[in-house]
PDB file of N, CA and C in Angstrom:
ATOM      1  N   UNK A   1       1.540 -12.581 -12.574  1.00  0.00           N
ATOM      2  CA  UNK A   1       1.454 -11.201 -12.143  1.00  0.00           C
ATOM      3  C   UNK A   1      -0.009 -10.763 -12.199  1.00  0.00           C
ATOM      4  N   UNK A   2      -0.351  -9.883 -11.288  1.00  0.00           N
ATOM      5  CA  UNK A   2      -1.742  -9.451 -11.180  1.00  0.00           C
ATOM      6  C   UNK A   2      -1.798  -7.947 -10.938  1.00  0.00           C
ATOM      7  N   UNK A   3      -2.941  -7.390 -11.241  1.00  0.00           N
ATOM      8  CA  UNK A   3      -3.234  -6.021 -10.850  1.00  0.00           C
ATOM      9  C   UNK A   3      -4.168  -6.097  -9.654  1.00  0.00           C
ATOM     10  N   UNK A   4      -3.868  -5.321  -8.613  1.00  0.00           N
ATOM     11  CA  UNK A   4      -4.725  -5.329  -7.442  1.00  0.00           C
ATOM     12  C   UNK A   4      -4.704  -3.973  -6.768  1.00  0.00           C
ATOM     13  N   UNK A   5      -5.694  -3.761  -5.924  1.00  0.00           N
ATOM     14  CA  UNK A   5      -5.857  -2.487  -5.230  1.00  0.00           C
ATOM     15  C   UNK A   5      -5.699  -2.727  -3.736  1.00  0.00           C
ATOM     16  N   UNK A   6      -4.914  -1.879  -3.107  1.00  0.00           N
ATOM     17  CA  UNK A   6      -4.783  -1.860  -1.653  1.00  0.00           C
ATOM     18  C   UNK A   6      -5.541  -0.641  -1.154  1.00  0.00           C
ATOM     19  N   UNK A   7      -6.306  -0.803  -0.107  1.00  0.00           N
ATOM     20  CA  UNK A   7      -7.121   0.282   0.414  1.00  0.00           C
ATOM     21  C   UNK A   7      -7.007   0.312   1.934  1.00  0.00           C
ATOM     22  N   UNK A   8      -6.724   1.499   2.472  1.00  0.00           N
ATOM     23  CA  UNK A   8      -6.640   1.637   3.929  1.00  0.00           C
ATOM     24  C   UNK A   8      -6.714   3.102   4.342  1.00  0.00           C
ATOM     25  N   UNK A   9      -7.033   3.314   5.587  1.00  0.00           N
ATOM     26  CA  UNK A   9      -7.026   4.655   6.170  1.00  0.00           C
ATOM     27  C   UNK A   9      -5.616   4.975   6.663  1.00  0.00           C
ATOM     28  N   UNK A  10      -5.350   6.264   6.841  1.00  0.00           N
ATOM     29  CA  UNK A  10      -4.091   6.718   7.418  1.00  0.00           C
ATOM     30  C   UNK A  10      -4.399   7.734   8.517  1.00  0.00           C
ATOM     31  N   UNK A  11      -3.546   7.764   9.523  1.00  0.00           N
ATOM     32  CA  UNK A  11      -3.761   8.693  10.646  1.00  0.00           C
ATOM     33  C   UNK A  11      -3.521  10.137  10.221  1.00  0.00           C
ATOM     34  N   UNK A  12      -2.463  10.364   9.461  1.00  0.00           N
ATOM     35  CA  UNK A  12      -2.079  11.714   9.038  1.00  0.00           C
ATOM     36  C   UNK A  12      -1.682  11.637   7.571  1.00  0.00           C
ATOM     37  N   UNK A  13      -2.542  12.152   6.711  1.00  0.00           N
ATOM     38  CA  UNK A  13      -2.331  12.040   5.273  1.00  0.00           C
ATOM     39  C   UNK A  13      -1.038  12.711   4.835  1.00  0.00           C
ATOM     40  N   UNK A  14      -0.726  13.888   5.347  1.00  0.00           N
ATOM     41  CA  UNK A  14       0.505  14.588   4.956  1.00  0.00           C
ATOM     42  C   UNK A  14       1.746  13.773   5.323  1.00  0.00           C
ATOM     43  N   UNK A  15       1.737  13.185   6.508  1.00  0.00           N
ATOM     44  CA  UNK A  15       2.860  12.344   6.938  1.00  0.00           C
ATOM     45  C   UNK A  15       2.998  11.132   6.020  1.00  0.00           C
ATOM     46  N   UNK A  16       1.892  10.461   5.723  1.00  0.00           N
ATOM     47  CA  UNK A  16       1.915   9.284   4.861  1.00  0.00           C
ATOM     48  C   UNK A  16       2.442   9.651   3.479  1.00  0.00           C
ATOM     49  N   UNK A  17       1.969  10.778   2.936  1.00  0.00           N
ATOM     50  CA  UNK A  17       2.416  11.206   1.610  1.00  0.00           C
ATOM     51  C   UNK A  17       3.905  11.551   1.599  1.00  0.00           C
ATOM     52  N   UNK A  18       4.407  12.076   2.694  1.00  0.00           N
ATOM     53  CA  UNK A  18       5.826  12.455   2.776  1.00  0.00           C
ATOM     54  C   UNK A  18       6.753  11.243   2.694  1.00  0.00           C
ATOM     55  N   UNK A  19       6.228  10.063   2.915  1.00  0.00           N
ATOM     56  CA  UNK A  19       7.035   8.842   2.889  1.00  0.00           C
ATOM     57  C   UNK A  19       7.006   8.154   1.523  1.00  0.00           C
ATOM     58  N   UNK A  20       6.706   8.882   0.474  1.00  0.00           N
ATOM     59  CA  UNK A  20       6.549   8.270  -0.849  1.00  0.00           C
ATOM     60  C   UNK A  20       7.827   7.589  -1.337  1.00  0.00           C
ATOM     61  N   UNK A  21       9.003   8.127  -1.043  1.00  0.00           N
ATOM     62  CA  UNK A  21      10.251   7.485  -1.480  1.00  0.00           C
ATOM     63  C   UNK A  21      10.401   6.102  -0.853  1.00  0.00           C
ATOM     64  N   UNK A  22      10.058   5.985   0.418  1.00  0.00           N
ATOM     65  CA  UNK A  22      10.129   4.686   1.095  1.00  0.00           C
ATOM     66  C   UNK A  22       9.120   3.712   0.503  1.00  0.00           C
ATOM     67  N   UNK A  23       7.927   4.227   0.199  1.00  0.00           N
ATOM     68  CA  UNK A  23       6.881   3.390  -0.378  1.00  0.00           C
ATOM     69  C   UNK A  23       7.311   2.886  -1.763  1.00  0.00           C
ATOM     70  N   UNK A  24       7.894   3.754  -2.567  1.00  0.00           N
ATOM     71  CA  UNK A  24       8.359   3.368  -3.905  1.00  0.00           C
ATOM     72  C   UNK A  24       9.420   2.283  -3.802  1.00  0.00           C
ATOM     73  N   UNK A  25      10.359   2.443  -2.888  1.00  0.00           N
ATOM     74  CA  UNK A  25      11.416   1.434  -2.719  1.00  0.00           C
ATOM     75  C   UNK A  25      10.822   0.095  -2.295  1.00  0.00           C
ATOM     76  N   UNK A  26       9.892   0.112  -1.367  1.00  0.00           N
ATOM     77  CA  UNK A  26       9.272  -1.123  -0.891  1.00  0.00           C
ATOM     78  C   UNK A  26       8.428  -1.772  -1.982  1.00  0.00           C
ATOM     79  N   UNK A  27       7.601  -0.982  -2.641  1.00  0.00           N
ATOM     80  CA  UNK A  27       6.692  -1.538  -3.640  1.00  0.00           C
ATOM     81  C   UNK A  27       7.445  -2.093  -4.839  1.00  0.00           C
ATOM     82  N   UNK A  28       8.615  -1.564  -5.127  1.00  0.00           N
ATOM     83  CA  UNK A  28       9.386  -2.068  -6.271  1.00  0.00           C
ATOM     84  C   UNK A  28       9.828  -3.510  -6.062  1.00  0.00           C
ATOM     85  N   UNK A  29       9.726  -4.021  -4.835  1.00  0.00           N
ATOM     86  CA  UNK A  29      10.106  -5.409  -4.573  1.00  0.00           C
ATOM     87  C   UNK A  29       9.010  -6.390  -4.985  1.00  0.00           C
ATOM     88  N   UNK A  30       7.784  -5.906  -5.231  1.00  0.00           N
ATOM     89  CA  UNK A  30       6.715  -6.827  -5.617  1.00  0.00           C
ATOM     90  C   UNK A  30       5.847  -6.352  -6.780  1.00  0.00           C
ATOM     91  N   UNK A  31       6.138  -5.169  -7.353  1.00  0.00           N
ATOM     92  CA  UNK A  31       5.339  -4.734  -8.509  1.00  0.00           C
ATOM     93  C   UNK A  31       6.161  -3.838  -9.428  1.00  0.00           C
ATOM     94  N   UNK A  32       5.678  -3.734 -10.665  1.00  0.00           N
ATOM     95  CA  UNK A  32       6.352  -2.891 -11.652  1.00  0.00           C
ATOM     96  C   UNK A  32       6.036  -1.412 -11.443  1.00  0.00           C
ATOM     97  N   UNK A  33       4.795  -1.116 -11.079  1.00  0.00           N
ATOM     98  CA  UNK A  33       4.419   0.279 -10.840  1.00  0.00           C
ATOM     99  C   UNK A  33       3.156   0.323  -9.978  1.00  0.00           C
ATOM    100  N   UNK A  34       2.912   1.507  -9.436  1.00  0.00           N
ATOM    101  CA  UNK A  34       1.689   1.694  -8.660  1.00  0.00           C
ATOM    102  C   UNK A  34       1.230   3.143  -8.763  1.00  0.00           C
ATOM    103  N   UNK A  35      -0.050   3.347  -8.566  1.00  0.00           N
ATOM    104  CA  UNK A  35      -0.645   4.685  -8.553  1.00  0.00           C
ATOM    105  C   UNK A  35      -1.361   4.873  -7.230  1.00  0.00           C
ATOM    106  N   UNK A  36      -1.345   6.102  -6.728  1.00  0.00           N
ATOM    107  CA  UNK A  36      -1.966   6.419  -5.443  1.00  0.00           C
ATOM    108  C   UNK A  36      -3.197   7.290  -5.694  1.00  0.00           C
ATOM    109  N   UNK A  37      -4.301   6.927  -5.043  1.00  0.00           N
ATOM    110  CA  UNK A  37      -5.542   7.692  -5.098  1.00  0.00           C
ATOM    111  C   UNK A  37      -5.892   8.093  -3.670  1.00  0.00           C
ATOM    112  N   UNK A  38      -6.279   9.360  -3.491  1.00  0.00           N
ATOM    113  CA  UNK A  38      -6.450   9.906  -2.147  1.00  0.00           C
ATOM    114  C   UNK A  38      -7.860  10.442  -1.943  1.00  0.00           C
ATOM    115  N   UNK A  39      -8.465  10.053  -0.828  1.00  0.00           N
ATOM    116  CA  UNK A  39      -9.692  10.669  -0.354  1.00  0.00           C
ATOM    117  C   UNK A  39      -9.275  11.582   0.797  1.00  0.00           C
ATOM    118  N   UNK A  40      -9.049  12.844   0.485  1.00  0.00           N
ATOM    119  CA  UNK A  40      -8.503  13.777   1.474  1.00  0.00           C
ATOM    120  C   UNK A  40      -9.464  14.082   2.604  1.00  0.00           C
ATOM    121  N   UNK A  41     -10.741  13.934   2.368  1.00  0.00           N
ATOM    122  CA  UNK A  41     -11.718  14.232   3.410  1.00  0.00           C
ATOM    123  C   UNK A  41     -11.754  13.173   4.500  1.00  0.00           C
ATOM    124  N   UNK A  42     -11.343  11.950   4.172  1.00  0.00           N
ATOM    125  CA  UNK A  42     -11.439  10.880   5.149  1.00  0.00           C
ATOM    126  C   UNK A  42     -10.093  10.243   5.469  1.00  0.00           C
ATOM    127  N   UNK A  43      -8.981  10.856   5.014  1.00  0.00           N
ATOM    128  CA  UNK A  43      -7.657  10.270   5.249  1.00  0.00           C
ATOM    129  C   UNK A  43      -7.632   8.800   4.854  1.00  0.00           C
ATOM    130  N   UNK A  44      -8.055   8.547   3.645  1.00  0.00           N
ATOM    131  CA  UNK A  44      -8.129   7.193   3.120  1.00  0.00           C
ATOM    132  C   UNK A  44      -7.409   7.166   1.779  1.00  0.00           C
ATOM    133  N   UNK A  45      -6.669   6.086   1.533  1.00  0.00           N
ATOM    134  CA  UNK A  45      -5.935   5.969   0.277  1.00  0.00           C
ATOM    135  C   UNK A  45      -6.216   4.615  -0.372  1.00  0.00           C
ATOM    136  N   UNK A  46      -6.082   4.600  -1.684  1.00  0.00           N
ATOM    137  CA  UNK A  46      -6.137   3.377  -2.467  1.00  0.00           C
ATOM    138  C   UNK A  46      -4.908   3.377  -3.354  1.00  0.00           C
ATOM    139  N   UNK A  47      -4.292   2.232  -3.485  1.00  0.00           N
ATOM    140  CA  UNK A  47      -3.107   2.097  -4.315  1.00  0.00           C
ATOM    141  C   UNK A  47      -3.375   1.030  -5.366  1.00  0.00           C
ATOM    142  N   UNK A  48      -3.257   1.405  -6.619  1.00  0.00           N
ATOM    143  CA  UNK A  48      -3.413   0.458  -7.717  1.00  0.00           C
ATOM    144  C   UNK A  48      -2.047  -0.132  -8.007  1.00  0.00           C
ATOM    145  N   UNK A  49      -1.916  -1.422  -7.785  1.00  0.00           N
ATOM    146  CA  UNK A  49      -0.660  -2.140  -8.008  1.00  0.00           C
ATOM    147  C   UNK A  49      -0.748  -2.787  -9.383  1.00  0.00           C
ATOM    148  N   UNK A  50       0.213  -2.465 -10.241  1.00  0.00           N
ATOM    149  CA  UNK A  50       0.202  -3.001 -11.599  1.00  0.00           C
ATOM    150  C   UNK A  50       1.319  -4.021 -11.772  1.00  0.00           C
ATOM    151  N   UNK A  51       0.957  -5.135 -12.398  1.00  0.00           N
ATOM    152  CA  UNK A  51       1.897  -6.237 -12.614  1.00  0.00           C
ATOM    153  C   UNK A  51       2.600  -6.606 -11.311  1.00  0.00           C
ATOM    154  N   UNK A  52       1.796  -6.869 -10.298  1.00  0.00           N
ATOM    155  CA  UNK A  52       2.323  -7.181  -8.981  1.00  0.00           C
ATOM    156  C   UNK A  52       2.279  -8.664  -8.672  1.00  0.00           C
ATOM    157  N   UNK A  53       3.150  -9.061  -7.778  1.00  0.00           N
ATOM    158  CA  UNK A  53       3.183 -10.431  -7.272  1.00  0.00           C
ATOM    159  C   UNK A  53       2.372 -10.437  -5.978  1.00  0.00           C
ATOM    160  N   UNK A  54       1.125 -10.882  -6.076  1.00  0.00           N
ATOM    161  CA  UNK A  54       0.206 -10.832  -4.939  1.00  0.00           C
ATOM    162  C   UNK A  54       0.698 -11.685  -3.776  1.00  0.00           C
ATOM    163  N   UNK A  55       1.237 -12.862  -4.060  1.00  0.00           N
ATOM    164  CA  UNK A  55       1.741 -13.719  -2.983  1.00  0.00           C
ATOM    165  C   UNK A  55       2.937 -13.081  -2.277  1.00  0.00           C
ATOM    166  N   UNK A  56       3.823 -12.470  -3.048  1.00  0.00           N
ATOM    167  CA  UNK A  56       4.974 -11.799  -2.437  1.00  0.00           C
ATOM    168  C   UNK A  56       4.500 -10.644  -1.561  1.00  0.00           C
ATOM    169  N   UNK A  57       3.484  -9.892  -2.039  1.00  0.00           N
ATOM    170  CA  UNK A  57       2.934  -8.813  -1.217  1.00  0.00           C
ATOM    171  C   UNK A  57       2.370  -9.374   0.083  1.00  0.00           C
ATOM    172  N   UNK A  58       1.595 -10.450  -0.004  1.00  0.00           N
ATOM    173  CA  UNK A  58       0.971 -11.021   1.196  1.00  0.00           C
ATOM    174  C   UNK A  58       2.030 -11.487   2.193  1.00  0.00           C
ATOM    175  N   UNK A  59       3.098 -12.098   1.702  1.00  0.00           N
ATOM    176  CA  UNK A  59       4.184 -12.526   2.598  1.00  0.00           C
ATOM    177  C   UNK A  59       4.839 -11.322   3.257  1.00  0.00           C
ATOM    178  N   UNK A  60       5.126 -10.302   2.477  1.00  0.00           N
ATOM    179  CA  UNK A  60       5.750  -9.091   3.003  1.00  0.00           C
ATOM    180  C   UNK A  60       4.831  -8.421   4.021  1.00  0.00           C
ATOM    181  N   UNK A  61       3.560  -8.312   3.678  1.00  0.00           N
ATOM    182  CA  UNK A  61       2.583  -7.640   4.538  1.00  0.00           C
ATOM    183  C   UNK A  61       2.455  -8.334   5.894  1.00  0.00           C
ATOM    184  N   UNK A  62       2.645  -9.645   5.923  1.00  0.00           N
ATOM    185  CA  UNK A  62       2.515 -10.411   7.161  1.00  0.00           C
ATOM    186  C   UNK A  62       3.749 -10.329   8.053  1.00  0.00           C
ATOM    187  N   UNK A  63       4.836  -9.746   7.566  1.00  0.00           N
ATOM    188  CA  UNK A  63       6.075  -9.715   8.340  1.00  0.00           C
ATOM    189  C   UNK A  63       6.037  -8.658   9.445  1.00  0.00           C
ATOM    190  N   UNK A  64       6.855  -8.879  10.464  1.00  0.00           N
ATOM    191  CA  UNK A  64       6.958  -7.913  11.561  1.00  0.00           C
ATOM    192  C   UNK A  64       7.540  -6.591  11.069  1.00  0.00           C
ATOM    193  N   UNK A  65       8.486  -6.664  10.145  1.00  0.00           N
ATOM    194  CA  UNK A  65       9.087  -5.446   9.593  1.00  0.00           C
ATOM    195  C   UNK A  65       8.030  -4.592   8.887  1.00  0.00           C
ATOM    196  N   UNK A  66       7.163  -5.241   8.126  1.00  0.00           N
ATOM    197  CA  UNK A  66       6.102  -4.507   7.438  1.00  0.00           C
ATOM    198  C   UNK A  66       5.133  -3.891   8.431  1.00  0.00           C
ATOM    199  N   UNK A  67       4.807  -4.615   9.504  1.00  0.00           N
ATOM    200  CA  UNK A  67       3.915  -4.072  10.534  1.00  0.00           C
ATOM    201  C   UNK A  67       4.535  -2.825  11.168  1.00  0.00           C
ATOM    202  N   UNK A  68       5.835  -2.859  11.415  1.00  0.00           N
ATOM    203  CA  UNK A  68       6.523  -1.692  11.979  1.00  0.00           C
ATOM    204  C   UNK A  68       6.520  -0.532  10.993  1.00  0.00           C
ATOM    205  N   UNK A  69       6.728  -0.826   9.713  1.00  0.00           N
ATOM    206  CA  UNK A  69       6.695   0.220   8.680  1.00  0.00           C
ATOM    207  C   UNK A  69       5.310   0.846   8.579  1.00  0.00           C
ATOM    208  N   UNK A  70       4.275   0.017   8.636  1.00  0.00           N
ATOM    209  CA  UNK A  70       2.905   0.549   8.586  1.00  0.00           C
ATOM    210  C   UNK A  70       2.635   1.447   9.793  1.00  0.00           C
ATOM    211  N   UNK A  71       3.097   1.030  10.960  1.00  0.00           N
ATOM    212  CA  UNK A  71       2.894   1.841  12.171  1.00  0.00           C
ATOM    213  C   UNK A  71       3.596   3.191  12.043  1.00  0.00           C
ATOM    214  N   UNK A  72       4.842   3.183  11.553  1.00  0.00           N
ATOM    215  CA  UNK A  72       5.583   4.446  11.368  1.00  0.00           C
ATOM    216  C   UNK A  72       4.895   5.368  10.370  1.00  0.00           C
ATOM    217  N   UNK A  73       4.296   4.775   9.350  1.00  0.00           N
ATOM    218  CA  UNK A  73       3.634   5.569   8.312  1.00  0.00           C
ATOM    219  C   UNK A  73       2.239   6.017   8.726  1.00  0.00           C
ATOM    220  N   UNK A  74       1.712   5.435   9.804  1.00  0.00           N
ATOM    221  CA  UNK A  74       0.378   5.794  10.262  1.00  0.00           C
ATOM    222  C   UNK A  74      -0.734   5.079   9.513  1.00  0.00           C
ATOM    223  N   UNK A  75      -0.428   3.915   8.963  1.00  0.00           N
ATOM    224  CA  UNK A  75      -1.449   3.113   8.280  1.00  0.00           C
ATOM    225  C   UNK A  75      -2.397   2.537   9.321  1.00  0.00           C
ATOM    226  N   UNK A  76      -3.680   2.658   9.044  1.00  0.00           N
ATOM    227  CA  UNK A  76      -4.703   2.131   9.941  1.00  0.00           C
ATOM    228  C   UNK A  76      -5.216   0.821   9.346  1.00  0.00           C
ATOM    229  N   UNK A  77      -5.061  -0.263  10.107  1.00  0.00           N
ATOM    230  CA  UNK A  77      -5.578  -1.553   9.651  1.00  0.00           C
ATOM    231  C   UNK A  77      -7.092  -1.549   9.718  1.00  0.00           C
ATOM    232  N   UNK A  78      -7.764  -2.295   8.889  1.00  0.00           N
ATOM    233  CA  UNK A  78      -7.216  -3.304   7.986  1.00  0.00           C
ATOM    234  C   UNK A  78      -6.793  -2.698   6.654  1.00  0.00           C
ATOM    235  N   UNK A  79      -5.852  -3.380   6.001  1.00  0.00           N
ATOM    236  CA  UNK A  79      -5.497  -3.081   4.618  1.00  0.00           C
ATOM    237  C   UNK A  79      -6.295  -4.068   3.779  1.00  0.00           C
ATOM    238  N   UNK A  80      -7.180  -3.537   2.965  1.00  0.00           N
ATOM    239  CA  UNK A  80      -8.031  -4.387   2.131  1.00  0.00           C
ATOM    240  C   UNK A  80      -7.364  -4.585   0.770  1.00  0.00           C
ATOM    241  N   UNK A  81      -7.508  -5.783   0.236  1.00  0.00           N
ATOM    242  CA  UNK A  81      -6.952  -6.124  -1.065  1.00  0.00           C
ATOM    243  C   UNK A  81      -8.091  -6.486  -1.998  1.00  0.00           C
ATOM    244  N   UNK A  82      -8.137  -5.839  -3.139  1.00  0.00           N
ATOM    245  CA  UNK A  82      -9.113  -6.169  -4.179  1.00  0.00           C
ATOM    246  C   UNK A  82      -8.333  -6.510  -5.442  1.00  0.00           C
ATOM    247  N   UNK A  83      -8.590  -7.685  -5.989  1.00  0.00           N
ATOM    248  CA  UNK A  83      -7.903  -8.115  -7.216  1.00  0.00           C
ATOM    249  C   UNK A  83      -8.717  -7.605  -8.405  1.00  0.00           C
ATOM    250  N   UNK A  84      -8.012  -7.016  -9.361  1.00  0.00           N
ATOM    251  CA  UNK A  84      -8.663  -6.505 -10.570  1.00  0.00           C
ATOM    252  C   UNK A  84      -9.007  -7.685 -11.470  1.00  0.00           C
ATOM    253  N   UNK A  85     -10.258  -7.807 -11.809  1.00  0.00           N
ATOM    254  CA  UNK A  85     -10.735  -8.880 -12.677  1.00  0.00           C
ATOM    255  C   UNK A  85     -10.485  -8.482 -14.132  1.00  0.00           C
ATOM    256  N   UNK A  86      -9.846  -9.381 -14.863  1.00  0.00           N
ATOM    257  CA  UNK A  86      -9.554  -9.110 -16.291  1.00  0.00           C
ATOM    258  C   UNK A  86     -10.761  -9.349 -17.145  1.00  0.00           C
TER     259      UNK A  86
END
């Protein structure tokens, strides 16, 4: 398990935030918890993933279903991944 950060822009911050229940359900499949950090001036978010399965996230992220979910949520690619160094 690893801690890592996901970082990406969003088209509409209010819309993206309104989908938090869906995000929680999805993220629970690969991590124990996550925190959301928002740059409201630039419609940019960072998510700290705690005790996450990085490989499972990468597999999920590469799926067509995940691409459709990102499009519905207004996620702007690329999604950057930074692994927290212990």
